[in-house]
PDB file of all heavy atoms in Angstrom:
ATOM      1  N   ASN A   1      -9.571 -38.226 -57.850  1.00  0.00           N
ATOM      2  CA  ASN A   1      -8.445 -38.867 -57.182  1.00  0.00           C
ATOM      3  C   ASN A   1      -8.242 -38.240 -55.806  1.00  0.00           C
ATOM      4  O   ASN A   1      -8.010 -37.029 -55.694  1.00  0.00           O
ATOM      5  CB  ASN A   1      -7.177 -38.711 -58.021  1.00  0.00           C
ATOM      6  CG  ASN A   1      -7.235 -39.565 -59.281  1.00  0.00           C
ATOM      7  OD1 ASN A   1      -7.342 -40.780 -59.198  1.00  0.00           O
ATOM      8  ND2 ASN A   1      -7.181 -38.923 -60.439  1.00  0.00           N
ATOM      9  N   PHE A   2      -8.358 -39.070 -54.774  1.00  0.00           N
ATOM     10  CA  PHE A   2      -8.251 -38.609 -53.390  1.00  0.00           C
ATOM     11  C   PHE A   2      -6.974 -39.140 -52.747  1.00  0.00           C
ATOM     12  O   PHE A   2      -6.562 -40.278 -53.000  1.00  0.00           O
ATOM     13  CB  PHE A   2      -9.434 -39.114 -52.549  1.00  0.00           C
ATOM     14  CG  PHE A   2     -10.778 -38.627 -53.010  1.00  0.00           C
ATOM     15  CD1 PHE A   2     -11.551 -39.393 -53.870  1.00  0.00           C
ATOM     16  CD2 PHE A   2     -11.284 -37.407 -52.573  1.00  0.00           C
ATOM     17  CE1 PHE A   2     -12.797 -38.957 -54.282  1.00  0.00           C
ATOM     18  CE2 PHE A   2     -12.528 -36.963 -52.986  1.00  0.00           C
ATOM     19  CZ  PHE A   2     -13.294 -37.738 -53.839  1.00  0.00           C
ATOM     20  N   GLN A   3      -6.376 -38.334 -51.894  1.00  0.00           N
ATOM     21  CA  GLN A   3      -5.245 -38.807 -51.112  1.00  0.00           C
ATOM     22  C   GLN A   3      -5.757 -39.484 -49.856  1.00  0.00           C
ATOM     23  O   GLN A   3      -6.560 -38.915 -49.107  1.00  0.00           O
ATOM     24  CB  GLN A   3      -4.315 -37.656 -50.737  1.00  0.00           C
ATOM     25  CG  GLN A   3      -3.086 -38.117 -49.955  1.00  0.00           C
ATOM     26  CD  GLN A   3      -2.102 -36.990 -49.708  1.00  0.00           C
ATOM     27  OE1 GLN A   3      -2.254 -35.902 -50.234  1.00  0.00           O
ATOM     28  NE2 GLN A   3      -1.078 -37.271 -48.902  1.00  0.00           N
ATOM     29  N   GLU A   4      -5.309 -40.708 -49.645  1.00  0.00           N
ATOM     30  CA  GLU A   4      -5.657 -41.429 -48.425  1.00  0.00           C
ATOM     31  C   GLU A   4      -4.832 -40.887 -47.263  1.00  0.00           C
ATOM     32  O   GLU A   4      -3.686 -40.447 -47.448  1.00  0.00           O
ATOM     33  CB  GLU A   4      -5.392 -42.923 -48.587  1.00  0.00           C
ATOM     34  CG  GLU A   4      -6.291 -43.619 -49.604  1.00  0.00           C
ATOM     35  CD  GLU A   4      -7.688 -43.892 -49.067  1.00  0.00           C
ATOM     36  OE1 GLU A   4      -7.972 -43.513 -47.913  1.00  0.00           O
ATOM     37  OE2 GLU A   4      -8.502 -44.489 -49.806  1.00  0.00           O
ATOM     38  N   THR A   5      -5.406 -40.901 -46.080  1.00  0.00           N
ATOM     39  CA  THR A   5      -4.676 -40.500 -44.878  1.00  0.00           C
ATOM     40  C   THR A   5      -4.777 -41.612 -43.845  1.00  0.00           C
ATOM     41  O   THR A   5      -5.749 -42.381 -43.838  1.00  0.00           O
ATOM     42  CB  THR A   5      -5.240 -39.192 -44.285  1.00  0.00           C
ATOM     43  OG1 THR A   5      -6.598 -39.390 -43.897  1.00  0.00           O
ATOM     44  CG2 THR A   5      -5.160 -38.061 -45.302  1.00  0.00           C
ATOM     45  N   SER A   6      -3.790 -41.674 -42.967  1.00  0.00           N
ATOM     46  CA  SER A   6      -3.743 -42.762 -41.985  1.00  0.00           C
ATOM     47  C   SER A   6      -4.774 -42.605 -40.884  1.00  0.00           C
ATOM     48  O   SER A   6      -5.126 -43.569 -40.206  1.00  0.00           O
ATOM     49  CB  SER A   6      -2.337 -42.835 -41.367  1.00  0.00           C
ATOM     50  OG  SER A   6      -2.013 -41.602 -40.741  1.00  0.00           O
ATOM     51  N   ASP A   7      -5.270 -41.357 -40.698  1.00  0.00           N
ATOM     52  CA  ASP A   7      -6.174 -41.121 -39.577  1.00  0.00           C
ATOM     53  C   ASP A   7      -7.642 -41.004 -40.002  1.00  0.00           C
ATOM     54  O   ASP A   7      -8.470 -40.481 -39.267  1.00  0.00           O
ATOM     55  CB  ASP A   7      -5.758 -39.848 -38.837  1.00  0.00           C
ATOM     56  CG  ASP A   7      -5.765 -38.628 -39.748  1.00  0.00           C
ATOM     57  OD1 ASP A   7      -5.864 -38.816 -40.980  1.00  0.00           O
ATOM     58  OD2 ASP A   7      -5.672 -37.497 -39.223  1.00  0.00           O
ATOM     59  N   SER A   8      -7.958 -41.480 -41.187  1.00  0.00           N
ATOM     60  CA  SER A   8      -9.347 -41.405 -41.645  1.00  0.00           C
ATOM     61  C   SER A   8      -9.768 -42.723 -42.273  1.00  0.00           C
ATOM     62  O   SER A   8      -8.931 -43.579 -42.610  1.00  0.00           O
ATOM     63  CB  SER A   8      -9.526 -40.267 -42.655  1.00  0.00           C
ATOM     64  OG  SER A   8      -8.735 -40.491 -43.804  1.00  0.00           O
ATOM     65  N   LYS A   9     -11.047 -42.887 -42.429  1.00  0.00           N
ATOM     66  CA  LYS A   9     -11.599 -44.111 -43.004  1.00  0.00           C
ATOM     67  C   LYS A   9     -11.157 -44.261 -44.464  1.00  0.00           C
ATOM     68  O   LYS A   9     -11.188 -43.288 -45.227  1.00  0.00           O
ATOM     69  CB  LYS A   9     -13.120 -44.059 -42.926  1.00  0.00           C
ATOM     70  CG  LYS A   9     -13.825 -45.331 -43.383  1.00  0.00           C
ATOM     71  CD  LYS A   9     -15.344 -45.161 -43.383  1.00  0.00           C
ATOM     72  CE  LYS A   9     -15.866 -44.815 -42.004  1.00  0.00           C
ATOM     73  NZ  LYS A   9     -17.355 -44.762 -41.989  1.00  0.00           N
ATOM     74  N   PRO A  10     -10.717 -45.438 -44.881  1.00  0.00           N
ATOM     75  CA  PRO A  10     -10.320 -45.632 -46.277  1.00  0.00           C
ATOM     76  C   PRO A  10     -11.478 -45.301 -47.221  1.00  0.00           C
ATOM     77  O   PRO A  10     -12.649 -45.548 -46.909  1.00  0.00           O
ATOM     78  CB  PRO A  10      -9.953 -47.118 -46.344  1.00  0.00           C
ATOM     79  CG  PRO A  10      -9.648 -47.505 -44.940  1.00  0.00           C
ATOM     80  CD  PRO A  10     -10.540 -46.663 -44.080  1.00  0.00           C
ATOM     81  N   ILE A  11     -11.151 -44.733 -48.361  1.00  0.00           N
ATOM     82  CA  ILE A  11     -12.180 -44.346 -49.328  1.00  0.00           C
ATOM     83  C   ILE A  11     -12.489 -45.548 -50.208  1.00  0.00           C
ATOM     84  O   ILE A  11     -11.663 -45.976 -51.031  1.00  0.00           O
ATOM     85  CB  ILE A  11     -11.702 -43.156 -50.187  1.00  0.00           C
ATOM     86  CG1 ILE A  11     -11.355 -41.971 -49.287  1.00  0.00           C
ATOM     87  CG2 ILE A  11     -12.769 -42.755 -51.201  1.00  0.00           C
ATOM     88  CD1 ILE A  11     -10.694 -40.828 -50.021  1.00  0.00           C
ATOM     89  N   ARG A  12     -13.666 -46.089 -50.017  1.00  0.00           N
ATOM     90  CA  ARG A  12     -14.100 -47.243 -50.788  1.00  0.00           C
ATOM     91  C   ARG A  12     -15.487 -46.981 -51.367  1.00  0.00           C
ATOM     92  O   ARG A  12     -16.156 -46.016 -51.008  1.00  0.00           O
ATOM     93  CB  ARG A  12     -14.120 -48.505 -49.900  1.00  0.00           C
ATOM     94  CG  ARG A  12     -12.785 -48.867 -49.292  1.00  0.00           C
ATOM     95  CD  ARG A  12     -11.778 -49.288 -50.368  1.00  0.00           C
ATOM     96  NE  ARG A  12     -10.487 -49.680 -49.767  1.00  0.00           N
ATOM     97  CZ  ARG A  12      -9.450 -48.864 -49.609  1.00  0.00           C
ATOM     98  NH1 ARG A  12      -9.563 -47.593 -49.991  1.00  0.00           N
ATOM     99  NH2 ARG A  12      -8.323 -49.293 -49.079  1.00  0.00           N
ATOM    100  N   ARG A  13     -15.900 -47.847 -52.253  1.00  0.00           N
ATOM    101  CA  ARG A  13     -17.191 -47.704 -52.928  1.00  0.00           C
ATOM    102  C   ARG A  13     -18.321 -47.489 -51.935  1.00  0.00           C
ATOM    103  O   ARG A  13     -19.181 -46.635 -52.118  1.00  0.00           O
ATOM    104  CB  ARG A  13     -17.453 -48.950 -53.783  1.00  0.00           C
ATOM    105  CG  ARG A  13     -18.832 -49.013 -54.416  1.00  0.00           C
ATOM    106  CD  ARG A  13     -19.001 -50.322 -55.181  1.00  0.00           C
ATOM    107  NE  ARG A  13     -20.291 -50.362 -55.842  1.00  0.00           N
ATOM    108  CZ  ARG A  13     -21.418 -50.764 -55.282  1.00  0.00           C
ATOM    109  NH1 ARG A  13     -21.395 -51.142 -53.996  1.00  0.00           N
ATOM    110  NH2 ARG A  13     -22.550 -50.775 -55.945  1.00  0.00           N
ATOM    111  N   GLU A  14     -18.351 -48.254 -50.872  1.00  0.00           N
ATOM    112  CA  GLU A  14     -19.434 -48.173 -49.901  1.00  0.00           C
ATOM    113  C   GLU A  14     -19.478 -46.801 -49.232  1.00  0.00           C
ATOM    114  O   GLU A  14     -20.553 -46.259 -48.966  1.00  0.00           O
ATOM    115  CB  GLU A  14     -19.275 -49.264 -48.830  1.00  0.00           C
ATOM    116  CG  GLU A  14     -19.435 -50.682 -49.357  1.00  0.00           C
ATOM    117  CD  GLU A  14     -18.230 -51.182 -50.140  1.00  0.00           C
ATOM    118  OE1 GLU A  14     -17.144 -50.538 -50.035  1.00  0.00           O
ATOM    119  OE2 GLU A  14     -18.360 -52.189 -50.861  1.00  0.00           O
ATOM    120  N   LEU A  15     -18.310 -46.216 -48.975  1.00  0.00           N
ATOM    121  CA  LEU A  15     -18.260 -44.897 -48.346  1.00  0.00           C
ATOM    122  C   LEU A  15     -18.803 -43.829 -49.314  1.00  0.00           C
ATOM    123  O   LEU A  15     -19.600 -42.976 -48.914  1.00  0.00           O
ATOM    124  CB  LEU A  15     -16.826 -44.562 -47.932  1.00  0.00           C
ATOM    125  CG  LEU A  15     -16.608 -43.140 -47.379  1.00  0.00           C
ATOM    126  CD1 LEU A  15     -17.466 -42.901 -46.145  1.00  0.00           C
ATOM    127  CD2 LEU A  15     -15.137 -42.903 -47.090  1.00  0.00           C
ATOM    128  N   ILE A  16     -18.371 -43.873 -50.563  1.00  0.00           N
ATOM    129  CA  ILE A  16     -18.848 -42.907 -51.560  1.00  0.00           C
ATOM    130  C   ILE A  16     -20.362 -42.968 -51.674  1.00  0.00           C
ATOM    131  O   ILE A  16     -21.067 -41.943 -51.631  1.00  0.00           O
ATOM    132  CB  ILE A  16     -18.198 -43.168 -52.923  1.00  0.00           C
ATOM    133  CG1 ILE A  16     -16.683 -42.995 -52.857  1.00  0.00           C
ATOM    134  CG2 ILE A  16     -18.819 -42.262 -53.994  1.00  0.00           C
ATOM    135  CD1 ILE A  16     -16.219 -41.588 -52.687  1.00  0.00           C
ATOM    136  N   ASN A  17     -20.883 -44.167 -51.812  1.00  0.00           N
ATOM    137  CA  ASN A  17     -22.333 -44.315 -51.955  1.00  0.00           C
ATOM    138  C   ASN A  17     -23.075 -43.872 -50.702  1.00  0.00           C
ATOM    139  O   ASN A  17     -24.165 -43.289 -50.789  1.00  0.00           O
ATOM    140  CB  ASN A  17     -22.690 -45.770 -52.270  1.00  0.00           C
ATOM    141  CG  ASN A  17     -22.471 -46.115 -53.730  1.00  0.00           C
ATOM    142  OD1 ASN A  17     -22.293 -45.228 -54.567  1.00  0.00           O
ATOM    143  ND2 ASN A  17     -22.486 -47.400 -54.049  1.00  0.00           N
ATOM    144  N   ASP A  18     -22.493 -44.128 -49.557  1.00  0.00           N
ATOM    145  CA  ASP A  18     -23.148 -43.720 -48.314  1.00  0.00           C
ATOM    146  C   ASP A  18     -23.209 -42.199 -48.184  1.00  0.00           C
ATOM    147  O   ASP A  18     -24.184 -41.652 -47.667  1.00  0.00           O
ATOM    148  CB  ASP A  18     -22.411 -44.319 -47.110  1.00  0.00           C
ATOM    149  CG  ASP A  18     -23.226 -44.237 -45.827  1.00  0.00           C
ATOM    150  OD1 ASP A  18     -24.410 -44.616 -45.863  1.00  0.00           O
ATOM    151  OD2 ASP A  18     -22.686 -43.771 -44.808  1.00  0.00           O
ATOM    152  N   ILE A  19     -22.174 -41.527 -48.674  1.00  0.00           N
ATOM    153  CA  ILE A  19     -22.188 -40.060 -48.670  1.00  0.00           C
ATOM    154  C   ILE A  19     -23.371 -39.551 -49.487  1.00  0.00           C
ATOM    155  O   ILE A  19     -24.146 -38.696 -49.038  1.00  0.00           O
ATOM    156  CB  ILE A  19     -20.864 -39.513 -49.230  1.00  0.00           C
ATOM    157  CG1 ILE A  19     -19.710 -39.813 -48.275  1.00  0.00           C
ATOM    158  CG2 ILE A  19     -20.971 -38.004 -49.486  1.00  0.00           C
ATOM    159  CD1 ILE A  19     -18.341 -39.538 -48.862  1.00  0.00           C
ATOM    160  N   TYR A  20     -23.520 -40.084 -50.699  1.00  0.00           N
ATOM    161  CA  TYR A  20     -24.622 -39.639 -51.558  1.00  0.00           C
ATOM    162  C   TYR A  20     -25.974 -40.038 -50.989  1.00  0.00           C
ATOM    163  O   TYR A  20     -26.945 -39.278 -51.049  1.00  0.00           O
ATOM    164  CB  TYR A  20     -24.452 -40.223 -52.953  1.00  0.00           C
ATOM    165  CG  TYR A  20     -23.394 -39.542 -53.780  1.00  0.00           C
ATOM    166  CD1 TYR A  20     -22.286 -40.245 -54.245  1.00  0.00           C
ATOM    167  CD2 TYR A  20     -23.503 -38.197 -54.115  1.00  0.00           C
ATOM    168  CE1 TYR A  20     -21.314 -39.630 -55.010  1.00  0.00           C
ATOM    169  CE2 TYR A  20     -22.538 -37.565 -54.886  1.00  0.00           C
ATOM    170  CZ  TYR A  20     -21.446 -38.285 -55.334  1.00  0.00           C
ATOM    171  OH  TYR A  20     -20.487 -37.665 -56.094  1.00  0.00           O
ATOM    172  N   ARG A  21     -26.032 -41.237 -50.422  1.00  0.00           N
ATOM    173  CA  ARG A  21     -27.303 -41.721 -49.864  1.00  0.00           C
ATOM    174  C   ARG A  21     -27.790 -40.797 -48.749  1.00  0.00           C
ATOM    175  O   ARG A  21     -28.961 -40.403 -48.713  1.00  0.00           O
ATOM    176  CB  ARG A  21     -27.115 -43.143 -49.338  1.00  0.00           C
ATOM    177  CG  ARG A  21     -28.428 -43.812 -48.890  1.00  0.00           C
ATOM    178  CD  ARG A  21     -28.161 -45.180 -48.289  1.00  0.00           C
ATOM    179  NE  ARG A  21     -27.628 -46.116 -49.259  1.00  0.00           N
ATOM    180  CZ  ARG A  21     -26.371 -46.574 -49.270  1.00  0.00           C
ATOM    181  NH1 ARG A  21     -25.500 -46.139 -48.347  1.00  0.00           N
ATOM    182  NH2 ARG A  21     -25.965 -47.432 -50.163  1.00  0.00           N
ATOM    183  N   LYS A  22     -26.891 -40.423 -47.857  1.00  0.00           N
ATOM    184  CA  LYS A  22     -27.268 -39.564 -46.736  1.00  0.00           C
ATOM    185  C   LYS A  22     -27.614 -38.150 -47.195  1.00  0.00           C
ATOM    186  O   LYS A  22     -28.595 -37.561 -46.725  1.00  0.00           O
ATOM    187  CB  LYS A  22     -26.139 -39.532 -45.705  1.00  0.00           C
ATOM    188  CG  LYS A  22     -25.961 -40.846 -44.951  1.00  0.00           C
ATOM    189  CD  LYS A  22     -24.812 -40.765 -43.957  1.00  0.00           C
ATOM    190  CE  LYS A  22     -24.668 -42.077 -43.193  1.00  0.00           C
ATOM    191  NZ  LYS A  22     -23.505 -42.043 -42.247  1.00  0.00           N
ATOM    192  N   VAL A  23     -26.813 -37.598 -48.096  1.00  0.00           N
ATOM    193  CA  VAL A  23     -27.071 -36.240 -48.572  1.00  0.00           C
ATOM    194  C   VAL A  23     -28.400 -36.164 -49.308  1.00  0.00           C
ATOM    195  O   VAL A  23     -29.152 -35.195 -49.170  1.00  0.00           O
ATOM    196  CB  VAL A  23     -25.919 -35.758 -49.478  1.00  0.00           C
ATOM    197  CG1 VAL A  23     -26.293 -34.459 -50.194  1.00  0.00           C
ATOM    198  CG2 VAL A  23     -24.651 -35.552 -48.669  1.00  0.00           C
ATOM    199  N   SER A  24     -28.723 -37.201 -50.080  1.00  0.00           N
ATOM    200  CA  SER A  24     -29.986 -37.191 -50.829  1.00  0.00           C
ATOM    201  C   SER A  24     -31.198 -37.228 -49.899  1.00  0.00           C
ATOM    202  O   SER A  24     -32.275 -36.747 -50.258  1.00  0.00           O
ATOM    203  CB  SER A  24     -30.036 -38.375 -51.794  1.00  0.00           C
ATOM    204  OG  SER A  24     -30.137 -39.604 -51.087  1.00  0.00           O
ATOM    205  N   LYS A  25     -31.020 -37.784 -48.712  1.00  0.00           N
ATOM    206  CA  LYS A  25     -32.143 -37.883 -47.771  1.00  0.00           C
ATOM    207  C   LYS A  25     -32.276 -36.659 -46.872  1.00  0.00           C
ATOM    208  O   LYS A  25     -33.391 -36.320 -46.463  1.00  0.00           O
ATOM    209  CB  LYS A  25     -31.969 -39.134 -46.895  1.00  0.00           C
ATOM    210  CG  LYS A  25     -32.167 -40.444 -47.651  1.00  0.00           C
ATOM    211  CD  LYS A  25     -31.984 -41.623 -46.718  1.00  0.00           C
ATOM    212  CE  LYS A  25     -32.213 -42.950 -47.438  1.00  0.00           C
ATOM    213  NZ  LYS A  25     -32.011 -44.108 -46.518  1.00  0.00           N
ATOM    214  N   THR A  26     -31.157 -36.021 -46.582  1.00  0.00           N
ATOM    215  CA  THR A  26     -31.219 -34.968 -45.563  1.00  0.00           C
ATOM    216  C   THR A  26     -30.680 -33.615 -45.985  1.00  0.00           C
ATOM    217  O   THR A  26     -31.021 -32.599 -45.375  1.00  0.00           O
ATOM    218  CB  THR A  26     -30.436 -35.408 -44.306  1.00  0.00           C
ATOM    219  OG1 THR A  26     -29.050 -35.610 -44.664  1.00  0.00           O
ATOM    220  CG2 THR A  26     -30.989 -36.700 -43.749  1.00  0.00           C
TER     221      THR A  26
END
């Protein structure tokens, strides 16, 4: 459970997957 903030990108499925996708590659 994450707290949303007004000054950051909303946490959505695509963002979570993109985090893992990038970390797995680099």
